[in-house]
């Protein structure tokens, strides 16, 4: 596995409401060759959106760290979950993510059968 590149993101690259701005995603993609896309906000209505949102929720919901800091302010983790439309706790994010992944998998099976 290749080593992860460190990308120095400035304040303007980080969205104050969570996640990265369009310029932040572009900067990350250019530096790493990645393909970051904007968050799936609202209902995930296609199999690809369900897969992306489900994967994100499981990954972030399973990550270490609190949702609020010692001052009671939301952490970047909580803000990123909210940017993807999840306002609950980490365990509900994981559960919701697994449901979305299962739905995406079932939708993919249906299209293959046709």
N, C-alpha and C. Protein backbone atom coordinates (compact mmCIF):
# COMPACT_ATOMS: atom_id res chain seq x y z
N UNK A 1 0.84 -1.18 0.00
CA UNK A 1 0.00 0.00 0.00
C UNK A 1 0.89 1.24 0.00
N UNK A 2 0.52 2.19 -0.81
CA UNK A 2 1.32 3.41 -0.92
C UNK A 2 1.14 4.28 0.31
N UNK A 3 2.16 5.04 0.62
CA UNK A 3 2.09 5.95 1.77
C UNK A 3 1.10 7.08 1.48
N UNK A 4 0.40 7.49 2.49
CA UNK A 4 -0.58 8.57 2.34
C UNK A 4 0.16 9.90 2.28
N UNK A 5 -0.19 10.71 1.28
CA UNK A 5 0.44 12.02 1.14
C UNK A 5 -0.19 13.00 2.11
N UNK A 6 0.64 13.85 2.67
CA UNK A 6 0.16 14.91 3.54
C UNK A 6 -0.17 16.11 2.67
N UNK A 7 -1.40 16.57 2.74
CA UNK A 7 -1.83 17.73 1.98
C UNK A 7 -2.08 18.84 2.97
N UNK A 8 -1.43 19.98 2.77
CA UNK A 8 -1.64 21.08 3.71
C UNK A 8 -2.84 21.89 3.25
N UNK A 9 -3.91 21.77 4.02
CA UNK A 9 -5.13 22.49 3.71
C UNK A 9 -5.22 23.73 4.58
N UNK A 10 -5.59 24.84 3.97
CA UNK A 10 -5.72 26.09 4.71
C UNK A 10 -7.15 26.25 5.22
N UNK A 11 -7.38 27.28 5.96
CA UNK A 11 -8.71 27.53 6.51
C UNK A 11 -9.75 27.68 5.40
N UNK A 12 -9.37 28.29 4.28
CA UNK A 12 -10.33 28.48 3.19
C UNK A 12 -10.68 27.17 2.48
N UNK A 13 -9.86 26.14 2.69
CA UNK A 13 -10.13 24.83 2.09
C UNK A 13 -11.10 24.00 2.93
N UNK A 14 -11.29 24.41 4.19
CA UNK A 14 -12.18 23.69 5.10
C UNK A 14 -13.49 24.44 5.25
N UNK A 15 -14.58 23.75 5.04
CA UNK A 15 -15.89 24.35 5.18
C UNK A 15 -16.20 24.49 6.67
N UNK A 16 -16.58 25.66 7.14
CA UNK A 16 -16.89 25.83 8.56
C UNK A 16 -18.07 24.98 9.02
N UNK A 17 -18.89 24.53 8.09
CA UNK A 17 -20.02 23.67 8.43
C UNK A 17 -19.65 22.19 8.35
N UNK A 18 -18.40 21.87 8.08
CA UNK A 18 -17.94 20.49 8.03
C UNK A 18 -17.49 20.08 6.65
N UNK A 19 -16.47 19.26 6.58
CA UNK A 19 -15.95 18.79 5.31
C UNK A 19 -15.05 19.81 4.65
N UNK A 20 -14.87 19.64 3.35
CA UNK A 20 -14.01 20.53 2.58
C UNK A 20 -14.83 21.35 1.60
N UNK A 21 -14.30 22.51 1.25
CA UNK A 21 -14.92 23.33 0.21
C UNK A 21 -14.55 22.73 -1.14
N UNK A 22 -15.14 23.26 -2.19
CA UNK A 22 -14.83 22.78 -3.55
C UNK A 22 -13.34 22.98 -3.84
N UNK A 23 -12.79 24.12 -3.41
CA UNK A 23 -11.36 24.37 -3.65
C UNK A 23 -10.50 23.41 -2.82
N UNK A 24 -10.97 23.05 -1.62
CA UNK A 24 -10.25 22.10 -0.78
C UNK A 24 -10.23 20.71 -1.40
N UNK A 25 -11.36 20.29 -1.95
CA UNK A 25 -11.42 18.98 -2.64
C UNK A 25 -10.52 18.99 -3.87
N UNK A 26 -10.53 20.09 -4.62
CA UNK A 26 -9.69 20.19 -5.82
C UNK A 26 -8.21 20.13 -5.44
N UNK A 27 -7.85 20.83 -4.37
CA UNK A 27 -6.46 20.83 -3.91
C UNK A 27 -6.02 19.42 -3.48
N UNK A 28 -6.89 18.74 -2.73
CA UNK A 28 -6.60 17.37 -2.28
C UNK A 28 -6.47 16.43 -3.47
N UNK A 29 -7.41 16.51 -4.41
CA UNK A 29 -7.38 15.64 -5.58
C UNK A 29 -6.13 15.85 -6.42
N UNK A 30 -5.74 17.10 -6.58
CA UNK A 30 -4.54 17.41 -7.37
C UNK A 30 -3.29 16.86 -6.70
N UNK A 31 -3.20 17.01 -5.38
CA UNK A 31 -2.01 16.58 -4.65
C UNK A 31 -1.91 15.07 -4.54
N UNK A 32 -3.05 14.38 -4.45
CA UNK A 32 -3.02 12.93 -4.20
C UNK A 32 -3.46 12.08 -5.37
N UNK A 33 -4.04 12.70 -6.39
CA UNK A 33 -4.60 11.91 -7.49
C UNK A 33 -5.93 11.30 -7.09
N UNK A 34 -6.51 11.81 -6.00
CA UNK A 34 -7.78 11.29 -5.50
C UNK A 34 -8.97 11.75 -6.32
N UNK A 35 -10.15 11.29 -5.92
CA UNK A 35 -11.37 11.64 -6.64
C UNK A 35 -12.46 12.03 -5.65
N UNK A 36 -12.12 12.89 -4.68
CA UNK A 36 -13.11 13.32 -3.70
C UNK A 36 -14.24 14.07 -4.40
N UNK A 37 -15.46 13.78 -3.96
CA UNK A 37 -16.64 14.45 -4.47
C UNK A 37 -17.33 15.17 -3.32
N UNK A 38 -18.29 16.01 -3.66
CA UNK A 38 -19.06 16.73 -2.64
C UNK A 38 -19.89 15.73 -1.84
N UNK A 39 -20.24 16.08 -0.59
CA UNK A 39 -21.06 15.18 0.23
C UNK A 39 -22.43 14.93 -0.39
N UNK A 40 -22.99 13.75 -0.07
CA UNK A 40 -24.35 13.42 -0.48
C UNK A 40 -25.26 14.00 0.60
N UNK A 41 -25.90 15.10 0.29
CA UNK A 41 -26.80 15.73 1.26
C UNK A 41 -28.22 15.27 0.96
N UNK A 42 -29.03 15.18 1.98
CA UNK A 42 -30.41 14.75 1.79
C UNK A 42 -30.49 13.26 1.53
N UNK A 43 -31.59 12.86 0.90
CA UNK A 43 -31.85 11.44 0.66
C UNK A 43 -30.90 10.90 -0.40
N UNK A 44 -30.37 9.72 -0.11
CA UNK A 44 -29.54 9.02 -1.09
C UNK A 44 -30.50 8.23 -1.97
N UNK A 45 -30.80 8.75 -3.16
CA UNK A 45 -31.84 8.15 -3.99
C UNK A 45 -31.34 7.25 -5.11
N UNK A 46 -30.05 7.13 -5.28
CA UNK A 46 -29.51 6.22 -6.29
C UNK A 46 -28.57 5.23 -5.60
N UNK A 47 -28.32 4.08 -6.21
CA UNK A 47 -27.40 3.12 -5.59
C UNK A 47 -26.01 3.70 -5.33
N UNK A 48 -25.50 4.53 -6.24
CA UNK A 48 -24.17 5.11 -6.03
C UNK A 48 -24.17 6.06 -4.83
N UNK A 49 -25.22 6.88 -4.72
CA UNK A 49 -25.31 7.79 -3.57
C UNK A 49 -25.45 7.02 -2.27
N UNK A 50 -26.23 5.93 -2.29
CA UNK A 50 -26.38 5.10 -1.10
C UNK A 50 -25.05 4.48 -0.71
N UNK A 51 -24.30 4.00 -1.69
CA UNK A 51 -23.00 3.39 -1.41
C UNK A 51 -22.04 4.42 -0.82
N UNK A 52 -21.96 5.62 -1.43
CA UNK A 52 -21.05 6.65 -0.95
C UNK A 52 -21.42 7.12 0.45
N UNK A 53 -22.70 7.42 0.65
CA UNK A 53 -23.14 7.92 1.95
C UNK A 53 -23.00 6.84 3.02
N UNK A 54 -23.37 5.60 2.67
CA UNK A 54 -23.25 4.50 3.61
C UNK A 54 -21.81 4.26 4.02
N UNK A 55 -20.91 4.27 3.05
CA UNK A 55 -19.49 4.07 3.33
C UNK A 55 -18.95 5.17 4.23
N UNK A 56 -19.33 6.41 3.94
CA UNK A 56 -18.88 7.54 4.75
C UNK A 56 -19.38 7.42 6.19
N UNK A 57 -20.68 7.13 6.35
CA UNK A 57 -21.25 7.06 7.69
C UNK A 57 -20.62 5.95 8.52
N UNK A 58 -20.38 4.80 7.92
CA UNK A 58 -19.75 3.70 8.65
C UNK A 58 -18.32 4.09 9.03
N UNK A 59 -17.59 4.68 8.09
CA UNK A 59 -16.20 5.06 8.36
C UNK A 59 -16.11 6.13 9.45
N UNK A 60 -16.90 7.19 9.33
CA UNK A 60 -16.83 8.27 10.31
C UNK A 60 -17.46 7.89 11.65
N UNK A 61 -18.53 7.11 11.61
CA UNK A 61 -19.16 6.67 12.85
C UNK A 61 -18.28 5.72 13.64
N UNK A 62 -17.37 5.04 12.96
CA UNK A 62 -16.45 4.09 13.61
C UNK A 62 -15.16 4.76 14.05
N UNK A 63 -14.95 6.00 13.67
CA UNK A 63 -13.68 6.66 13.99
C UNK A 63 -13.61 7.06 15.46
N UNK A 64 -12.39 7.17 15.94
CA UNK A 64 -12.18 7.60 17.32
C UNK A 64 -12.43 9.10 17.44
N UNK A 65 -12.69 9.51 18.63
CA UNK A 65 -12.82 10.95 18.88
C UNK A 65 -14.23 11.33 19.27
N UNK A 66 -14.35 12.39 20.04
CA UNK A 66 -15.65 12.84 20.51
C UNK A 66 -16.38 13.67 19.45
N UNK A 67 -17.68 13.81 19.66
CA UNK A 67 -18.48 14.66 18.78
C UNK A 67 -18.51 16.11 19.28
N UNK A 68 -18.16 16.28 20.56
CA UNK A 68 -18.06 17.63 21.13
C UNK A 68 -16.76 17.74 21.91
N UNK A 69 -16.17 18.93 21.88
CA UNK A 69 -14.93 19.14 22.62
C UNK A 69 -15.24 19.52 24.07
N UNK A 70 -14.20 19.81 24.84
CA UNK A 70 -14.39 20.13 26.26
C UNK A 70 -15.20 21.40 26.49
N UNK A 71 -15.28 22.26 25.49
CA UNK A 71 -16.07 23.49 25.61
C UNK A 71 -17.53 23.26 25.20
N UNK A 72 -17.84 22.05 24.73
CA UNK A 72 -19.20 21.75 24.29
C UNK A 72 -19.46 22.10 22.83
N UNK A 73 -18.39 22.48 22.11
CA UNK A 73 -18.52 22.83 20.70
C UNK A 73 -18.42 21.57 19.85
N UNK A 74 -19.07 21.60 18.70
CA UNK A 74 -19.02 20.46 17.78
C UNK A 74 -17.60 20.32 17.22
N UNK A 75 -17.12 19.08 17.14
CA UNK A 75 -15.81 18.82 16.55
C UNK A 75 -15.95 18.70 15.04
N UNK A 76 -14.82 18.65 14.34
CA UNK A 76 -14.84 18.49 12.89
C UNK A 76 -15.54 17.18 12.50
N UNK A 77 -15.42 16.15 13.34
CA UNK A 77 -16.10 14.88 13.09
C UNK A 77 -17.61 15.08 13.06
N UNK A 78 -18.15 15.74 14.06
CA UNK A 78 -19.60 15.99 14.12
C UNK A 78 -20.03 16.88 12.96
N UNK A 79 -19.25 17.89 12.66
CA UNK A 79 -19.59 18.78 11.55
C UNK A 79 -19.60 18.04 10.22
N UNK A 80 -18.66 17.12 10.02
CA UNK A 80 -18.63 16.38 8.76
C UNK A 80 -19.82 15.43 8.67
N UNK A 81 -20.21 14.80 9.78
CA UNK A 81 -21.41 13.95 9.76
C UNK A 81 -22.63 14.79 9.40
N UNK A 82 -22.72 15.98 9.97
CA UNK A 82 -23.85 16.86 9.66
C UNK A 82 -23.82 17.35 8.22
N UNK A 83 -22.63 17.54 7.67
CA UNK A 83 -22.52 17.96 6.26
C UNK A 83 -23.08 16.89 5.33
N UNK A 84 -23.04 15.64 5.79
CA UNK A 84 -23.59 14.53 5.02
C UNK A 84 -25.04 14.24 5.40
N UNK A 85 -25.63 15.09 6.26
CA UNK A 85 -27.04 14.96 6.59
C UNK A 85 -27.34 14.04 7.76
N UNK A 86 -26.35 13.69 8.58
CA UNK A 86 -26.59 12.84 9.75
C UNK A 86 -26.42 13.67 11.02
N UNK A 87 -27.48 13.74 11.83
CA UNK A 87 -27.46 14.59 13.01
C UNK A 87 -27.49 13.79 14.31
N UNK A 88 -27.42 12.47 14.23
CA UNK A 88 -27.44 11.64 15.43
C UNK A 88 -26.05 11.37 15.97
N UNK A 89 -25.95 10.32 16.79
CA UNK A 89 -24.66 9.95 17.37
C UNK A 89 -23.89 9.01 16.43
N UNK A 90 -22.71 8.58 16.88
CA UNK A 90 -21.85 7.77 16.02
C UNK A 90 -22.43 6.37 15.79
N UNK A 91 -23.04 5.76 16.80
CA UNK A 91 -23.58 4.41 16.61
C UNK A 91 -24.75 4.42 15.63
N UNK A 92 -25.57 5.47 15.66
CA UNK A 92 -26.67 5.54 14.70
C UNK A 92 -26.14 5.82 13.29
N UNK A 93 -25.01 6.51 13.19
CA UNK A 93 -24.39 6.74 11.88
C UNK A 93 -23.93 5.41 11.27
N UNK A 94 -23.32 4.57 12.09
CA UNK A 94 -22.86 3.26 11.61
C UNK A 94 -24.06 2.41 11.18
N UNK A 95 -25.11 2.38 11.99
CA UNK A 95 -26.30 1.59 11.67
C UNK A 95 -26.95 2.08 10.37
N UNK A 96 -27.08 3.39 10.24
CA UNK A 96 -27.68 3.96 9.03
C UNK A 96 -26.80 3.68 7.82
N UNK A 97 -25.49 3.80 7.99
CA UNK A 97 -24.56 3.52 6.90
C UNK A 97 -24.64 2.09 6.42
N UNK A 98 -24.74 1.14 7.37
CA UNK A 98 -24.85 -0.27 6.99
C UNK A 98 -26.15 -0.54 6.25
N UNK A 99 -27.24 0.10 6.68
CA UNK A 99 -28.51 -0.05 5.97
C UNK A 99 -28.40 0.47 4.54
N UNK A 100 -27.77 1.64 4.38
CA UNK A 100 -27.61 2.21 3.03
C UNK A 100 -26.74 1.32 2.15
N UNK A 101 -25.68 0.76 2.71
CA UNK A 101 -24.82 -0.13 1.94
C UNK A 101 -25.58 -1.39 1.51
N UNK A 102 -26.40 -1.91 2.40
CA UNK A 102 -27.21 -3.10 2.07
C UNK A 102 -28.21 -2.77 0.96
N UNK A 103 -28.84 -1.60 1.05
CA UNK A 103 -29.78 -1.18 0.01
C UNK A 103 -29.08 -1.02 -1.33
N UNK A 104 -27.88 -0.44 -1.32
CA UNK A 104 -27.12 -0.26 -2.56
C UNK A 104 -26.75 -1.61 -3.15
N UNK A 105 -26.36 -2.54 -2.30
CA UNK A 105 -25.98 -3.89 -2.75
C UNK A 105 -27.19 -4.60 -3.37
N UNK A 106 -28.36 -4.48 -2.72
CA UNK A 106 -29.58 -5.11 -3.25
C UNK A 106 -30.01 -4.48 -4.56
N UNK A 107 -29.86 -3.18 -4.68
CA UNK A 107 -30.23 -2.49 -5.93
C UNK A 107 -29.30 -2.93 -7.06
N UNK A 108 -28.04 -3.14 -6.74
CA UNK A 108 -27.09 -3.58 -7.76
C UNK A 108 -27.43 -5.00 -8.23
N UNK A 109 -27.85 -5.86 -7.31
CA UNK A 109 -28.23 -7.23 -7.67
C UNK A 109 -29.44 -7.22 -8.59
N UNK A 110 -30.42 -6.34 -8.30
CA UNK A 110 -31.63 -6.24 -9.12
C UNK A 110 -31.30 -5.83 -10.55
N UNK A 111 -30.38 -4.89 -10.71
CA UNK A 111 -30.04 -4.43 -12.06
C UNK A 111 -29.28 -5.49 -12.82
N UNK A 112 -28.50 -6.33 -12.13
CA UNK A 112 -27.75 -7.40 -12.81
C UNK A 112 -28.69 -8.50 -13.29
N UNK A 113 -29.79 -8.76 -12.55
CA UNK A 113 -30.72 -9.81 -12.92
C UNK A 113 -31.51 -9.48 -14.19
N UNK A 114 -31.71 -8.20 -14.44
CA UNK A 114 -32.53 -7.78 -15.60
C UNK A 114 -31.83 -8.03 -16.90
